[in-house]
Amino acid sequence: MPDLPEAAAVAAMIDHSLLRPELTVDEVREGCALAARYRTASVCVRPSDVGLAAASLAGTGVLVGTVVGFPHGSQTTATKAAETRELVAAGAAEIDMVLHVGRLRDGDAGYVREDIAAVVAEAGGRTVKVILENALLDRAAKVLGCRLGEDAGAHYVKTSTGFAGGGATPEDIALMRATVSPHVGVKAAGGVRTLDRLLELAALGATRFGATATATILDDLAARRSVGVAMPVRFES
């Protein structure tokens, strides 16, 4: 069986999620400290917490991400663009935006593409991830959403918000990876709570993960590496 990946490689694929509505300021600070300790790729915080996270993570190398059009994606395009502009000014380096799920299900490609493109434009070259909310979509809509995200200039397509039921599935990760070009990343979010699940989805093509169980995942990896436990799945960086 293959060797386990390095802890740093796995941590660099995790966006530590701090999006629950009940989180206090102190809990957001604690989450940022955890992300800095484990050296994750980023934290993904609520829009009102961007400035706080940017101050907490200054000099750590951990990026500040946030959400736009969250959680349903039904805001107007102008609202999403304005939100992106404000959050970039506050210190956001990555934007996870929810596309308009209803318009995607309608097959309104022009609306969905322009909605995403407006956020990409306001992000000014910063990373944009498009959330499809796969639990609400059929296969054709998932494929269309991925293609429109890429066409509009997004850097990642993402499975879900984590707030609409369902979550990342192996079937969806494989479909999304097969749909977008190699330079577009695939982010798995929703239900990624264990190291085994993360590595399973990484082997299918997921390149970034939204997780609240960051410490559990990375502590498990450290423990297994310390005793030389190999994994029955292939890890692709």
C-alpha atoms as a PDB file:
ATOM      1  CA  MET A   1       0.000   0.000   0.000  1.00  0.00           C
ATOM      2  CA  PRO A   2       1.151   3.549  -0.671  1.00  0.00           C
ATOM      3  CA  ASP A   3       2.723   5.690   1.996  1.00  0.00           C
ATOM      4  CA  LEU A   4       0.721   8.340   3.776  1.00  0.00           C
ATOM      5  CA  PRO A   5       1.038  11.896   2.428  1.00  0.00           C
ATOM      6  CA  GLU A   6       2.994  14.480   4.359  1.00  0.00           C
ATOM      7  CA  ALA A   7       0.936  16.405   6.899  1.00  0.00           C
ATOM      8  CA  ALA A   8       1.868  19.698   5.261  1.00  0.00           C
ATOM      9  CA  ALA A   9       0.497  18.512   1.918  1.00  0.00           C
ATOM     10  CA  VAL A  10      -2.867  17.637   3.429  1.00  0.00           C
ATOM     11  CA  ALA A  11      -3.073  20.811   5.525  1.00  0.00           C
ATOM     12  CA  ALA A  12      -2.380  22.855   2.386  1.00  0.00           C
ATOM     13  CA  MET A  13      -5.565  21.433   0.848  1.00  0.00           C
ATOM     14  CA  ILE A  14      -7.859  22.436   3.728  1.00  0.00           C
ATOM     15  CA  ASP A  15      -9.955  25.576   4.064  1.00  0.00           C
ATOM     16  CA  HIS A  16     -10.798  25.571   7.770  1.00  0.00           C
ATOM     17  CA  SER A  17     -14.488  26.468   7.861  1.00  0.00           C
ATOM     18  CA  LEU A  18     -15.814  29.046  10.335  1.00  0.00           C
ATOM     19  CA  LEU A  19     -19.247  29.675   8.847  1.00  0.00           C
ATOM     20  CA  ARG A  20     -21.719  28.494  11.468  1.00  0.00           C
ATOM     21  CA  PRO A  21     -24.076  31.378  12.279  1.00  0.00           C
ATOM     22  CA  GLU A  22     -23.753  31.010  16.041  1.00  0.00           C
ATOM     23  CA  LEU A  23     -19.970  31.459  16.237  1.00  0.00           C
ATOM     24  CA  THR A  24     -18.823  34.190  18.605  1.00  0.00           C
ATOM     25  CA  VAL A  25     -15.904  36.532  18.010  1.00  0.00           C
ATOM     26  CA  ASP A  26     -13.791  34.532  20.447  1.00  0.00           C
ATOM     27  CA  GLU A  27     -14.647  31.312  18.628  1.00  0.00           C
ATOM     28  CA  VAL A  28     -13.632  32.845  15.306  1.00  0.00           C
ATOM     29  CA  ARG A  29     -10.314  33.910  16.841  1.00  0.00           C
ATOM     30  CA  GLU A  30      -9.810  30.395  18.205  1.00  0.00           C
ATOM     31  CA  GLY A  31     -10.559  28.945  14.765  1.00  0.00           C
ATOM     32  CA  CYS A  32      -8.019  31.251  13.166  1.00  0.00           C
ATOM     33  CA  ALA A  33      -5.434  30.215  15.749  1.00  0.00           C
ATOM     34  CA  LEU A  34      -6.147  26.556  14.976  1.00  0.00           C
ATOM     35  CA  ALA A  35      -5.706  27.179  11.242  1.00  0.00           C
ATOM     36  CA  ALA A  36      -2.415  28.963  11.898  1.00  0.00           C
ATOM     37  CA  ARG A  37      -1.205  26.138  14.149  1.00  0.00           C
ATOM     38  CA  TYR A  38      -1.920  23.477  11.535  1.00  0.00           C
ATOM     39  CA  ARG A  39      -0.896  25.756   8.637  1.00  0.00           C
ATOM     40  CA  THR A  40      -4.000  25.171   6.553  1.00  0.00           C
ATOM     41  CA  ALA A  41      -4.456  26.773   3.144  1.00  0.00           C
ATOM     42  CA  SER A  42      -7.015  29.213   4.494  1.00  0.00           C
ATOM     43  CA  VAL A  43      -9.849  29.916   6.835  1.00  0.00           C
ATOM     44  CA  CYS A  44     -13.281  30.489   5.318  1.00  0.00           C
ATOM     45  CA  VAL A  45     -15.135  32.951   7.506  1.00  0.00           C
ATOM     46  CA  ARG A  46     -18.449  34.786   7.446  1.00  0.00           C
ATOM     47  CA  PRO A  47     -18.305  38.146   5.656  1.00  0.00           C
ATOM     48  CA  SER A  48     -18.523  40.118   8.903  1.00  0.00           C
ATOM     49  CA  ASP A  49     -15.434  38.290  10.198  1.00  0.00           C
ATOM     50  CA  VAL A  50     -13.063  39.042   7.328  1.00  0.00           C
ATOM     51  CA  GLY A  51     -11.333  41.982   9.004  1.00  0.00           C
ATOM     52  CA  LEU A  52     -10.996  40.052  12.264  1.00  0.00           C
ATOM     53  CA  ALA A  53      -9.536  37.025  10.481  1.00  0.00           C
ATOM     54  CA  ALA A  54      -7.129  39.159   8.456  1.00  0.00           C
ATOM     55  CA  ALA A  55      -5.789  40.730  11.647  1.00  0.00           C
ATOM     56  CA  SER A  56      -5.599  37.380  13.446  1.00  0.00           C
ATOM     57  CA  LEU A  57      -3.739  35.646  10.611  1.00  0.00           C
ATOM     58  CA  ALA A  58      -1.368  38.420   9.560  1.00  0.00           C
ATOM     59  CA  GLY A  59       2.090  36.976   8.972  1.00  0.00           C
ATOM     60  CA  THR A  60       0.993  33.329   9.329  1.00  0.00           C
ATOM     61  CA  GLY A  61       0.755  32.455   5.643  1.00  0.00           C
ATOM     62  CA  VAL A  62      -2.842  31.280   6.110  1.00  0.00           C
ATOM     63  CA  LEU A  63      -5.160  32.997   3.641  1.00  0.00           C
ATOM     64  CA  VAL A  64      -8.477  34.590   4.515  1.00  0.00           C
ATOM     65  CA  GLY A  65     -11.412  33.311   2.512  1.00  0.00           C
ATOM     66  CA  THR A  66     -15.054  34.242   2.752  1.00  0.00           C
ATOM     67  CA  VAL A  67     -18.425  33.635   1.128  1.00  0.00           C
ATOM     68  CA  VAL A  68     -20.545  35.672  -1.269  1.00  0.00           C
ATOM     69  CA  GLY A  69     -24.220  35.087  -2.014  1.00  0.00           C
ATOM     70  CA  PHE A  70     -24.283  32.713   0.921  1.00  0.00           C
ATOM     71  CA  PRO A  71     -25.995  30.363   1.525  1.00  0.00           C
ATOM     72  CA  HIS A  72     -28.647  30.280  -1.224  1.00  0.00           C
ATOM     73  CA  GLY A  73     -27.123  32.211  -4.135  1.00  0.00           C
ATOM     74  CA  SER A  74     -30.334  34.106  -4.875  1.00  0.00           C
ATOM     75  CA  GLN A  75     -29.010  37.628  -4.325  1.00  0.00           C
ATOM     76  CA  THR A  76     -28.840  39.892  -7.366  1.00  0.00           C
ATOM     77  CA  THR A  77     -25.659  39.965  -9.391  1.00  0.00           C
ATOM     78  CA  ALA A  78     -25.103  43.604  -8.399  1.00  0.00           C
ATOM     79  CA  THR A  79     -25.341  42.641  -4.730  1.00  0.00           C
ATOM     80  CA  LYS A  80     -22.835  39.806  -5.157  1.00  0.00           C
ATOM     81  CA  ALA A  81     -20.439  42.114  -6.990  1.00  0.00           C
ATOM     82  CA  ALA A  82     -20.700  44.800  -4.304  1.00  0.00           C
ATOM     83  CA  GLU A  83     -20.220  42.215  -1.551  1.00  0.00           C
ATOM     84  CA  THR A  84     -17.100  40.903  -3.278  1.00  0.00           C
ATOM     85  CA  ARG A  85     -15.682  44.408  -3.633  1.00  0.00           C
ATOM     86  CA  GLU A  86     -16.250  45.161   0.057  1.00  0.00           C
ATOM     87  CA  LEU A  87     -14.756  41.866   1.239  1.00  0.00           C
ATOM     88  CA  VAL A  88     -11.650  42.165  -0.920  1.00  0.00           C
ATOM     89  CA  ALA A  89     -11.089  45.624   0.565  1.00  0.00           C
ATOM     90  CA  ALA A  90     -11.467  44.126   4.051  1.00  0.00           C
ATOM     91  CA  GLY A  91      -8.717  41.575   3.390  1.00  0.00           C
ATOM     92  CA  ALA A  92     -10.275  38.543   1.700  1.00  0.00           C
ATOM     93  CA  ALA A  93      -7.876  36.659  -0.564  1.00  0.00           C
ATOM     94  CA  GLU A  94     -10.352  33.977  -1.650  1.00  0.00           C
ATOM     95  CA  ILE A  95     -14.063  34.172  -2.474  1.00  0.00           C
ATOM     96  CA  ASP A  96     -16.425  31.195  -2.337  1.00  0.00           C
ATOM     97  CA  MET A  97     -19.572  32.323  -4.164  1.00  0.00           C
ATOM     98  CA  VAL A  98     -22.895  30.534  -4.469  1.00  0.00           C
ATOM     99  CA  LEU A  99     -24.253  30.566  -7.991  1.00  0.00           C
ATOM    100  CA  HIS A 100     -27.974  31.107  -8.567  1.00  0.00           C
ATOM    101  CA  VAL A 101     -29.245  27.556  -8.129  1.00  0.00           C
ATOM    102  CA  GLY A 102     -32.725  28.215  -9.519  1.00  0.00           C
ATOM    103  CA  ARG A 103     -31.409  29.882 -12.677  1.00  0.00           C
ATOM    104  CA  LEU A 104     -28.985  26.996 -13.163  1.00  0.00           C
ATOM    105  CA  ARG A 105     -31.866  24.531 -12.909  1.00  0.00           C
ATOM    106  CA  ASP A 106     -33.715  26.662 -15.461  1.00  0.00           C
ATOM    107  CA  GLY A 107     -30.779  26.198 -17.821  1.00  0.00           C
ATOM    108  CA  ASP A 108     -30.293  29.971 -17.992  1.00  0.00           C
ATOM    109  CA  ALA A 109     -26.633  29.783 -18.924  1.00  0.00           C
ATOM    110  CA  GLY A 110     -26.279  33.479 -19.717  1.00  0.00           C
ATOM    111  CA  TYR A 111     -27.551  34.594 -16.327  1.00  0.00           C
ATOM    112  CA  VAL A 112     -25.418  32.131 -14.385  1.00  0.00           C
ATOM    113  CA  ARG A 113     -22.271  32.868 -16.381  1.00  0.00           C
ATOM    114  CA  GLU A 114     -22.607  36.630 -15.961  1.00  0.00           C
ATOM    115  CA  ASP A 115     -23.412  36.257 -12.253  1.00  0.00           C
ATOM    116  CA  ILE A 116     -20.147  34.385 -11.716  1.00  0.00           C
ATOM    117  CA  ALA A 117     -18.169  36.654 -14.045  1.00  0.00           C
ATOM    118  CA  ALA A 118     -19.227  39.740 -12.061  1.00  0.00           C
ATOM    119  CA  VAL A 119     -17.730  38.256  -8.901  1.00  0.00           C
ATOM    120  CA  VAL A 120     -14.568  37.187 -10.730  1.00  0.00           C
ATOM    121  CA  ALA A 121     -14.149  40.731 -12.039  1.00  0.00           C
ATOM    122  CA  GLU A 122     -14.534  42.314  -8.601  1.00  0.00           C
ATOM    123  CA  ALA A 123     -12.161  39.760  -7.078  1.00  0.00           C
ATOM    124  CA  GLY A 124      -9.389  41.276  -9.172  1.00  0.00           C
ATOM    125  CA  GLY A 125      -7.433  38.093  -9.779  1.00  0.00           C
ATOM    126  CA  ARG A 126      -8.021  36.623  -6.331  1.00  0.00           C
ATOM    127  CA  THR A 127      -9.160  33.027  -6.138  1.00  0.00           C
ATOM    128  CA  VAL A 128     -12.868  32.496  -6.803  1.00  0.00           C
ATOM    129  CA  LYS A 129     -14.604  29.208  -6.058  1.00  0.00           C
ATOM    130  CA  VAL A 130     -18.103  28.596  -7.423  1.00  0.00           C
ATOM    131  CA  ILE A 131     -20.451  26.634  -5.162  1.00  0.00           C
ATOM    132  CA  LEU A 132     -22.918  24.502  -7.138  1.00  0.00           C
ATOM    133  CA  GLU A 133     -24.991  23.064  -4.240  1.00  0.00           C
ATOM    134  CA  ASN A 134     -25.034  19.626  -5.826  1.00  0.00           C
ATOM    135  CA  ALA A 135     -27.662  18.172  -3.495  1.00  0.00           C
ATOM    136  CA  LEU A 136     -30.224  20.327  -5.314  1.00  0.00           C
ATOM    137  CA  LEU A 137     -29.061  19.494  -8.857  1.00  0.00           C
ATOM    138  CA  ASP A 138     -29.334  16.687 -11.351  1.00  0.00           C
ATOM    139  CA  ARG A 139     -26.341  15.469 -13.327  1.00  0.00           C
ATOM    140  CA  ALA A 140     -26.942  17.767 -16.295  1.00  0.00           C
ATOM    141  CA  ALA A 141     -27.141  20.840 -14.054  1.00  0.00           C
ATOM    142  CA  LYS A 142     -23.935  19.868 -12.262  1.00  0.00           C
ATOM    143  CA  VAL A 143     -22.114  19.589 -15.573  1.00  0.00           C
ATOM    144  CA  LEU A 144     -23.545  22.894 -16.800  1.00  0.00           C
ATOM    145  CA  GLY A 145     -22.624  24.653 -13.542  1.00  0.00           C
ATOM    146  CA  CYS A 146     -19.041  23.428 -13.763  1.00  0.00           C
ATOM    147  CA  ARG A 147     -18.711  24.537 -17.372  1.00  0.00           C
ATOM    148  CA  LEU A 148     -20.208  27.965 -16.694  1.00  0.00           C
ATOM    149  CA  GLY A 149     -17.912  28.463 -13.702  1.00  0.00           C
ATOM    150  CA  GLU A 150     -14.880  27.736 -15.844  1.00  0.00           C
ATOM    151  CA  ASP A 151     -16.175  29.884 -18.714  1.00  0.00           C
ATOM    152  CA  ALA A 152     -16.652  32.801 -16.317  1.00  0.00           C
ATOM    153  CA  GLY A 153     -13.064  32.593 -15.073  1.00  0.00           C
ATOM    154  CA  ALA A 154     -13.506  30.897 -11.701  1.00  0.00           C
ATOM    155  CA  HIS A 155     -10.539  29.025 -10.265  1.00  0.00           C
ATOM    156  CA  TYR A 156     -12.476  26.226  -8.526  1.00  0.00           C
ATOM    157  CA  VAL A 157     -15.838  24.528  -8.653  1.00  0.00           C
ATOM    158  CA  LYS A 158     -17.176  23.445  -5.274  1.00  0.00           C
ATOM    159  CA  THR A 159     -19.715  20.810  -4.281  1.00  0.00           C
ATOM    160  CA  SER A 160     -21.828  22.513  -1.639  1.00  0.00           C
ATOM    161  CA  THR A 161     -22.270  25.091   1.073  1.00  0.00           C
ATOM    162  CA  GLY A 162     -22.719  22.483   3.787  1.00  0.00           C
ATOM    163  CA  PHE A 163     -26.056  24.094   4.691  1.00  0.00           C
ATOM    164  CA  ALA A 164     -28.420  22.457   2.185  1.00  0.00           C
ATOM    165  CA  GLY A 165     -28.131  18.789   3.063  1.00  0.00           C
ATOM    166  CA  GLY A 166     -26.042  16.263   1.235  1.00  0.00           C
ATOM    167  CA  GLY A 167     -22.395  17.124   0.762  1.00  0.00           C
ATOM    168  CA  ALA A 168     -19.392  15.959  -1.206  1.00  0.00           C
ATOM    169  CA  THR A 169     -19.801  12.513  -2.756  1.00  0.00           C
ATOM    170  CA  PRO A 170     -17.275  10.425  -4.680  1.00  0.00           C
ATOM    171  CA  GLU A 171     -19.576  10.423  -7.708  1.00  0.00           C
ATOM    172  CA  ASP A 172     -19.809  14.223  -7.748  1.00  0.00           C
ATOM    173  CA  ILE A 173     -16.067  14.732  -7.333  1.00  0.00           C
ATOM    174  CA  ALA A 174     -15.348  12.368 -10.222  1.00  0.00           C
ATOM    175  CA  LEU A 175     -17.956  14.102 -12.399  1.00  0.00           C
ATOM    176  CA  MET A 176     -16.701  17.602 -11.612  1.00  0.00           C
ATOM    177  CA  ARG A 177     -13.073  16.634 -12.188  1.00  0.00           C
ATOM    178  CA  ALA A 178     -13.965  15.114 -15.550  1.00  0.00           C
ATOM    179  CA  THR A 179     -15.981  18.197 -16.556  1.00  0.00           C
ATOM    180  CA  VAL A 180     -13.560  21.054 -15.900  1.00  0.00           C
ATOM    181  CA  SER A 181     -10.102  21.602 -17.383  1.00  0.00           C
ATOM    182  CA  PRO A 182      -7.016  20.487 -15.437  1.00  0.00           C
ATOM    183  CA  HIS A 183      -6.189  24.063 -14.388  1.00  0.00           C
ATOM    184  CA  VAL A 184      -9.544  24.411 -12.573  1.00  0.00           C
ATOM    185  CA  GLY A 185      -9.589  22.996  -9.052  1.00  0.00           C
ATOM    186  CA  VAL A 186     -12.360  20.961  -7.425  1.00  0.00           C
ATOM    187  CA  LYS A 187     -13.312  21.732  -3.839  1.00  0.00           C
ATOM    188  CA  ALA A 188     -15.141  19.161  -1.713  1.00  0.00           C
ATOM    189  CA  ALA A 189     -17.270  20.554   1.090  1.00  0.00           C
ATOM    190  CA  GLY A 190     -19.931  19.028   3.267  1.00  0.00           C
ATOM    191  CA  GLY A 191     -19.304  15.818   5.171  1.00  0.00           C
ATOM    192  CA  VAL A 192     -15.495  15.772   4.938  1.00  0.00           C
ATOM    193  CA  ARG A 193     -14.937  14.840   8.574  1.00  0.00           C
ATOM    194  CA  THR A 194     -12.304  12.094   8.473  1.00  0.00           C
ATOM    195  CA  LEU A 195      -8.868  11.531   6.991  1.00  0.00           C
ATOM    196  CA  ASP A 196     -10.107   8.479   5.099  1.00  0.00           C
ATOM    197  CA  ARG A 197     -12.855  10.513   3.432  1.00  0.00           C
ATOM    198  CA  LEU A 198     -10.480  13.318   2.502  1.00  0.00           C
ATOM    199  CA  LEU A 199      -7.971  10.935   0.927  1.00  0.00           C
ATOM    200  CA  GLU A 200     -10.709   9.054  -0.909  1.00  0.00           C
ATOM    201  CA  LEU A 201     -11.950  12.279  -2.501  1.00  0.00           C
ATOM    202  CA  ALA A 202      -8.408  13.498  -3.212  1.00  0.00           C
ATOM    203  CA  ALA A 203      -7.760  10.316  -5.167  1.00  0.00           C
ATOM    204  CA  LEU A 204     -10.810  11.144  -7.302  1.00  0.00           C
ATOM    205  CA  GLY A 205      -9.567  14.629  -8.078  1.00  0.00           C
ATOM    206  CA  ALA A 206     -10.545  16.965  -5.242  1.00  0.00           C
ATOM    207  CA  THR A 207      -7.809  19.541  -4.703  1.00  0.00           C
ATOM    208  CA  ARG A 208      -9.245  21.608  -1.858  1.00  0.00           C
ATOM    209  CA  PHE A 209     -11.484  20.713   1.076  1.00  0.00           C
ATOM    210  CA  GLY A 210     -13.826  22.707   3.276  1.00  0.00           C
ATOM    211  CA  ALA A 211     -13.726  21.219   6.765  1.00  0.00           C
ATOM    212  CA  THR A 212     -14.649  21.971  10.343  1.00  0.00           C
ATOM    213  CA  ALA A 213     -12.958  18.748  11.538  1.00  0.00           C
ATOM    214  CA  THR A 214      -9.502  20.028  10.606  1.00  0.00           C
ATOM    215  CA  ALA A 215      -7.836  19.080  13.877  1.00  0.00           C
ATOM    216  CA  THR A 216      -9.378  15.599  13.861  1.00  0.00           C
ATOM    217  CA  ILE A 217      -8.207  14.949  10.299  1.00  0.00           C
ATOM    218  CA  LEU A 218      -4.665  16.216  10.760  1.00  0.00           C
ATOM    219  CA  ASP A 219      -4.188  14.682  14.215  1.00  0.00           C
ATOM    220  CA  ASP A 220      -5.266  11.328  12.788  1.00  0.00           C
ATOM    221  CA  LEU A 221      -2.739  11.714   9.980  1.00  0.00           C
ATOM    222  CA  ALA A 222       0.035  12.532  12.442  1.00  0.00           C
ATOM    223  CA  ALA A 223      -0.859   9.527  14.593  1.00  0.00           C
ATOM    224  CA  ARG A 224      -0.901   7.132  11.642  1.00  0.00           C
ATOM    225  CA  ARG A 225       2.374   8.452  10.273  1.00  0.00           C
ATOM    226  CA  SER A 226       3.999   8.008  13.671  1.00  0.00           C
ATOM    227  CA  VAL A 227       3.287   4.275  13.598  1.00  0.00           C
ATOM    228  CA  GLY A 228       3.749   3.813   9.842  1.00  0.00           C
ATOM    229  CA  VAL A 229       0.164   3.004   8.950  1.00  0.00           C
ATOM    230  CA  ALA A 230      -0.384   3.009   5.168  1.00  0.00           C
ATOM    231  CA  MET A 231      -3.624   3.973   3.461  1.00  0.00           C
ATOM    232  CA  PRO A 232      -5.651   1.859   0.993  1.00  0.00           C
ATOM    233  CA  VAL A 233      -6.253   4.880  -1.271  1.00  0.00           C
ATOM    234  CA  ARG A 234      -4.009   6.823  -3.596  1.00  0.00           C
ATOM    235  CA  PHE A 235      -3.276  10.460  -2.756  1.00  0.00           C
ATOM    236  CA  GLU A 236      -2.786  12.962  -5.569  1.00  0.00           C
ATOM    237  CA  SER A 237      -1.341  16.371  -4.755  1.00  0.00           C
END
